[in-house]
Each structure stands twice: as structure tokens, then as C-alpha cells.
Amino acid sequence: MRYLHTMVRISDIDKSLHFYCDLLGLKQTRRVDRPEHGYSLVFVAAEDNPDSEIELTYNHDPEEYTGGRNFGHLAFRVENIYDACQRLQDGGVTINRPPRDGRMAFVRSPDGISIELLQLGDALEPAEPWASMENTGSW
């Protein structure tokens, strides 16, 4: 058996690719457009493990998606959690759980998917503005 991918539904391809690729740093690995069937699939992955993909599923008929507690989050290890959070925040992303401990943070995708960021190796020394930043919303 081999793990292939995790599928998340999205409501806007451009906003989602901006978040996952431009801000989070993933790469688009492939795309399948099936207008005759009413959907598009965009696969993204981290450079370090391109075979573990996220399938972004866009249904051409608009739907409103709400999160359930049965899905927790996607997790990514980053080289510098402060730099990653700063890049996301500069791109308009709310840091829901700031990396006060220099180790862990949470943000949400444009469609409300919870994303955990984990520092590679040991936690970084606490630093401002993160150390004193309060939680925002839920993650």
C-alpha cells in the first residue's frame, strides 16, 4: 500500500493557488480540468516530498463548504517558522495561533482548512511580535 494524497474542496482556484503555492510555498504538480463533468483538480505538494500531494478539488457549481471536527488539519515542517508566518501575514493570512513558542503555528486556507506549521529541528528562541501575539479565531 502507498499513501497518495489528501483531498480538500476549494471554492476559488486562484485564491487557493495563491495561498498554497505563493504564500505557503507548495508547488503545483499537475492539473486535471473536466468541464464536461463539472470539476477541476489541482494537485500541490512540498518540494521535499512531491509524491505526498494535496488534491484541491474545485466543483464548477458553487457550493458553500463548512468544516467538520472529523478533519483536523494539514501539517507542514518549515525551515524558519517566523519567516513562514511573516510571509503568510504579509500576504493577508491571519495567524490564528502564533508561534509564541518558536515551534508551532496555525493558519487557515481561504476555504477554512486548518494548516499547522512546525519548526524544523529545535524550537527557535521566542521573538516578537510572535511571543506576545494573542490567538485569533480558531484553528
Protein backbone atom coordinates (compact mmCIF):
# COMPACT_ATOMS: atom_id res chain seq x y z
CA MET A 1 0.00 0.00 0.00
CA ARG A 2 1.16 3.56 -0.73
CA TYR A 3 -0.28 6.86 0.51
CA LEU A 4 -1.27 9.06 -2.45
CA HIS A 5 -2.95 12.32 -1.42
CA THR A 6 -5.43 14.20 0.73
CA MET A 7 -8.37 15.90 -0.99
CA VAL A 8 -9.78 19.23 0.15
CA ARG A 9 -12.61 21.07 -1.58
CA ILE A 10 -11.97 24.66 -2.62
CA SER A 11 -14.27 27.45 -3.74
CA ASP A 12 -11.80 29.57 -5.77
CA ILE A 13 -8.85 28.09 -7.68
CA ASP A 14 -6.91 31.36 -7.94
CA LYS A 15 -7.24 32.23 -4.24
CA SER A 16 -6.33 28.68 -3.25
CA LEU A 17 -3.26 28.54 -5.51
CA HIS A 18 -2.15 31.92 -4.18
CA PHE A 19 -2.41 30.58 -0.62
CA TYR A 20 -0.95 27.09 -1.12
CA CYS A 21 1.73 27.99 -3.70
CA ASP A 22 2.64 31.69 -3.44
CA LEU A 23 2.30 32.06 0.33
CA LEU A 24 2.74 28.57 1.80
CA GLY A 25 5.40 27.57 -0.74
CA LEU A 26 3.96 24.38 -2.24
CA LYS A 27 4.33 23.62 -5.95
CA GLN A 28 1.60 22.70 -8.39
CA THR A 29 2.41 19.18 -9.61
CA ARG A 30 -0.46 18.64 -12.05
CA ARG A 31 -3.92 19.78 -13.01
CA VAL A 32 -6.94 17.99 -14.45
CA ASP A 33 -9.84 20.04 -15.82
CA ARG A 34 -13.03 18.11 -16.53
CA PRO A 35 -15.61 20.74 -17.54
CA GLU A 36 -17.83 18.02 -19.01
CA HIS A 37 -18.06 16.52 -15.52
CA GLY A 38 -18.19 19.86 -13.67
CA TYR A 39 -14.91 19.79 -11.74
CA SER A 40 -11.20 20.64 -11.78
CA LEU A 41 -8.45 19.01 -9.74
CA VAL A 42 -5.21 20.79 -8.90
CA PHE A 43 -2.51 18.81 -7.14
CA VAL A 44 0.08 20.60 -4.99
CA ALA A 45 2.99 19.27 -2.94
CA ALA A 46 6.04 20.35 -0.98
CA GLU A 47 9.32 20.24 -2.91
CA ASP A 48 10.90 17.90 -0.36
CA ASN A 49 8.22 15.22 -0.83
CA PRO A 50 6.41 15.77 -4.13
CA ASP A 51 4.75 12.36 -4.04
CA SER A 52 2.64 13.33 -0.99
CA GLU A 53 0.11 15.59 -2.62
CA ILE A 54 -2.91 17.65 -1.67
CA GLU A 55 -5.70 17.40 -4.21
CA LEU A 56 -7.53 20.72 -4.42
CA THR A 57 -10.98 19.89 -5.80
CA TYR A 58 -12.99 22.68 -7.40
CA ASN A 59 -16.60 21.91 -8.31
CA HIS A 60 -17.81 24.23 -11.06
CA ASP A 61 -21.28 24.51 -9.50
CA PRO A 62 -20.81 26.82 -6.49
CA GLU A 63 -21.10 25.27 -3.05
CA GLU A 64 -20.50 26.59 0.44
CA TYR A 65 -18.21 24.36 2.46
CA THR A 66 -18.27 24.16 6.22
CA GLY A 67 -15.65 22.39 8.30
CA GLY A 68 -16.30 19.37 10.43
CA ARG A 69 -14.49 18.21 13.53
CA ASN A 70 -13.76 14.89 11.82
CA PHE A 71 -10.98 16.57 9.81
CA GLY A 72 -8.20 18.07 11.89
CA HIS A 73 -5.51 19.84 9.86
CA LEU A 74 -2.73 19.57 7.31
CA ALA A 75 0.79 19.87 8.78
CA PHE A 76 3.98 21.19 7.20
CA ARG A 77 7.52 21.38 8.57
CA VAL A 78 9.19 24.71 7.76
CA GLU A 79 12.83 25.83 7.92
CA ASN A 80 12.02 29.02 9.85
CA ILE A 81 8.59 29.35 11.42
CA TYR A 82 8.93 33.10 11.93
CA ASP A 83 9.78 33.71 8.27
CA ALA A 84 6.93 31.45 7.14
CA CYS A 85 4.42 33.23 9.38
CA GLN A 86 5.67 36.65 8.28
CA ARG A 87 5.31 35.70 4.59
CA LEU A 88 1.77 34.45 5.21
CA GLN A 89 0.81 37.50 7.28
CA ASP A 90 2.27 39.85 4.64
CA GLY A 91 0.06 38.01 2.13
CA GLY A 92 -3.06 38.80 4.16
CA VAL A 93 -3.33 35.50 6.05
CA THR A 94 -4.41 35.65 9.70
CA ILE A 95 -2.06 33.81 12.04
CA ASN A 96 -4.66 32.05 14.20
CA ARG A 97 -2.19 30.51 16.63
CA PRO A 98 1.08 32.49 16.51
CA PRO A 99 4.42 30.72 17.01
CA ARG A 100 4.90 32.08 20.54
CA ASP A 101 6.98 29.03 21.42
CA GLY A 102 9.13 29.22 18.26
CA ARG A 103 7.86 25.78 17.33
CA MET A 104 4.23 25.72 16.17
CA ALA A 105 1.67 27.94 14.45
CA PHE A 106 -1.74 27.55 12.83
CA VAL A 107 -3.34 29.38 9.91
CA ARG A 108 -6.36 28.70 7.71
CA SER A 109 -6.62 28.39 3.93
CA PRO A 110 -9.12 30.58 2.01
CA ASP A 111 -11.65 27.75 2.47
CA GLY A 112 -11.07 27.34 6.20
CA ILE A 113 -8.75 24.31 6.11
CA SER A 114 -6.59 24.35 9.24
CA ILE A 115 -2.85 24.34 8.47
CA GLU A 116 -0.25 23.55 11.15
CA LEU A 117 3.28 24.84 10.68
CA LEU A 118 6.04 23.11 12.65
CA GLN A 119 9.62 24.34 13.05
CA LEU A 120 12.28 22.04 11.62
CA GLY A 121 14.57 20.83 14.41
CA ASP A 122 14.60 22.57 17.77
CA ALA A 123 12.24 25.42 18.57
CA LEU A 124 13.53 28.90 17.77
CA GLU A 125 14.09 31.34 20.61
CA PRO A 126 10.88 33.29 21.37
CA ALA A 127 10.81 36.52 19.35
CA GLU A 128 8.50 39.47 18.86
CA PRO A 129 5.96 40.17 17.58
CA TRP A 130 5.10 36.48 17.85
CA ALA A 131 5.91 35.93 21.53
CA SER A 132 3.23 38.34 22.75
CA MET A 133 0.67 37.86 19.96
CA GLU A 134 -2.71 36.53 21.03
CA ASN A 135 -4.65 33.72 19.32
CA THR A 136 -7.18 34.83 16.71
CA GLY A 137 -10.28 32.80 15.89
CA SER A 138 -9.99 29.03 15.85
CA TRP A 139 -7.71 26.58 14.16
